[in-house]
């Protein structure tokens, strides 16, 4: 094993968050940096999206007033989110949005230069913007191009497998390449590895996304709100989020059993064609499953899909070739709610069939599937209710630093969001997190040549170690992923989770650097964290459902719908879990409020800023 030179900062991950952090560091004068990535073309931000993937920022068009404090209150109101982080994400949102615009992301503006917006999930204002299905992909492309233009070092096909920590301070990483292993020493480490998609068998995450959050946990990093996953309807054959236009054009939901019989299963949940169709439309901007919307609301559709697949054991599809029907009732567009009809009319999408409406409203959304050899004019689209985003993750402060000094987490691997979040806020959070971490490193942690690092000796790691445990790790890995899919997704049976947690606590880690062994260890540690987080929240709340999941002690459909209780209002506590000596410790802590007193007198702020940033 060879040791490379000492870096000021190492960034783990080659998505939009990681690239952005590298650029800000460089522009702040920190140029001895490197990006380490398992695969430069993999990851969520490069390979995922929706009908029109949203970027959430402060509103800068029209005559509706907006402000950083107003946006921070929106973010904070979702619950279990620290107020200082909400304030930072709001205040820096325009800075990061226009950074992307200046790099070449084509966010649309009108003839006068107003960057117009639209309402997204949990958004009281029109703060959403988009360039279409691949907003984050385009972000990644322009950021990467600038990174390469500045000749920032990138180590591709290099998998980080451990973090070097001493006295609760990070000082480097151990990485594996196809041919050898390497130790990278660094003053600072920024993790930007995305969400832990590997936890589940089926997700909306691209198949190239695994995540590396287990490495953070194994290094002693605390996790916040890891139980808060966002789930929603997505396609299976080609993994994609089916929000927005895909729902607003009113496709037909149909299930098919093993004998080929078709079921118009939504008839069992709604009263008539109007109620059913209006709620299909609402799934466009109420995409995440939300137990508060179960009572004849749009999330009843998610629940019905879950029941068909997991209890009735039928495959479920969207059919864009047929209009929804309800017993003998047919769809009549101008008989729907004013909201549904007006949206279709204003979008010039009053066509006869769903696929025709989709082509008129959002042709890119139709073409996306066709590029992946799925023609919505000719075939059914198989769907499920799938995990799409982890709102929890590494617990960080307002500079995105973890409880391990000099170790930062940005993007989805950081647990900044809490329970409910506006659609598109994750893209903003990843950009702002990189900016904040870069500011702090440049002005506080940029020692350039710390003598402690120069004394670290080369370590001899045996990367040839093969699996010698007496277990079938592939089978065990698959078993955990399948169990997580059933127990820890959108319907969570608390009694079954207790049994499962006791079972996996007996599982041992595999002492090998084999790829499957590394994935097994990752899933095992994260599953323990997730189970403990759910059980801790259950003990605190008394089986109150929230976010994107139902907490229940039964699988009886009528009982769940009758007895499900949801937590209302803002949540003032976060669930914190930490992996320690093969066990998991948990606690509840109060969230930090939005700062009530902020210095806004210009001369005072200016003088304070100059002391820090213009030394």
Foldseek 3Di string as FASTA:
>chain_A
DDEDDEAAEEEEDQFLLRLLLQVLLVVLPRQRYEYEYQANCFDFLQAAFEQFAKAFAWAQDDDDDTDLVRQLCLLQFLFAFFSLLSSLLHVCLVVLVVVLVVLPQCWDDDPVRGRFFQAFASRPDRGIIGPGGNSSSSSSVSSVVVCVVSPHHYHYSKAFQAFDADPLATFWTWIDHPVGIYIHGHLFYEYEQFDQPLLAPFFLGFPRHHGDQLRVQVSWFKKWQQLAFWKFKFFGVHRYQHAALNQLLAWQKWWAAPVGDIDSQCLVQADAPQLVSVLSNVCRRNGTQWLVQCNSHNNVVQVSQQCCCPPVNIWMWTQQQDHYHHVPRGDDLVVHDPVSNVVLVVLVQPDDTSVSSSCSNRVVNQVVVVVVVDHSNPDITTMHTHGYARLMAGEADSLQATSRHSYGYAARNHNRRRFDRTRNSRSSRSSSNSNSVSLCCSQPRSPPCPVVSVPDDDDDDDQPDDWDDPDDLVVVSVVSNHCCGVASAAEHALVVLVVVLVVLLPDDQTPHNPPSSSSSSSNSSSSNVNSVQVVVVCVVPVQADGRRHHYHNDPDPVCSSVPHHHDDIHYQWIWMWHDDPSHIDIDIDGHHHNDPDDDDDVVVVVVVCCVRSVD
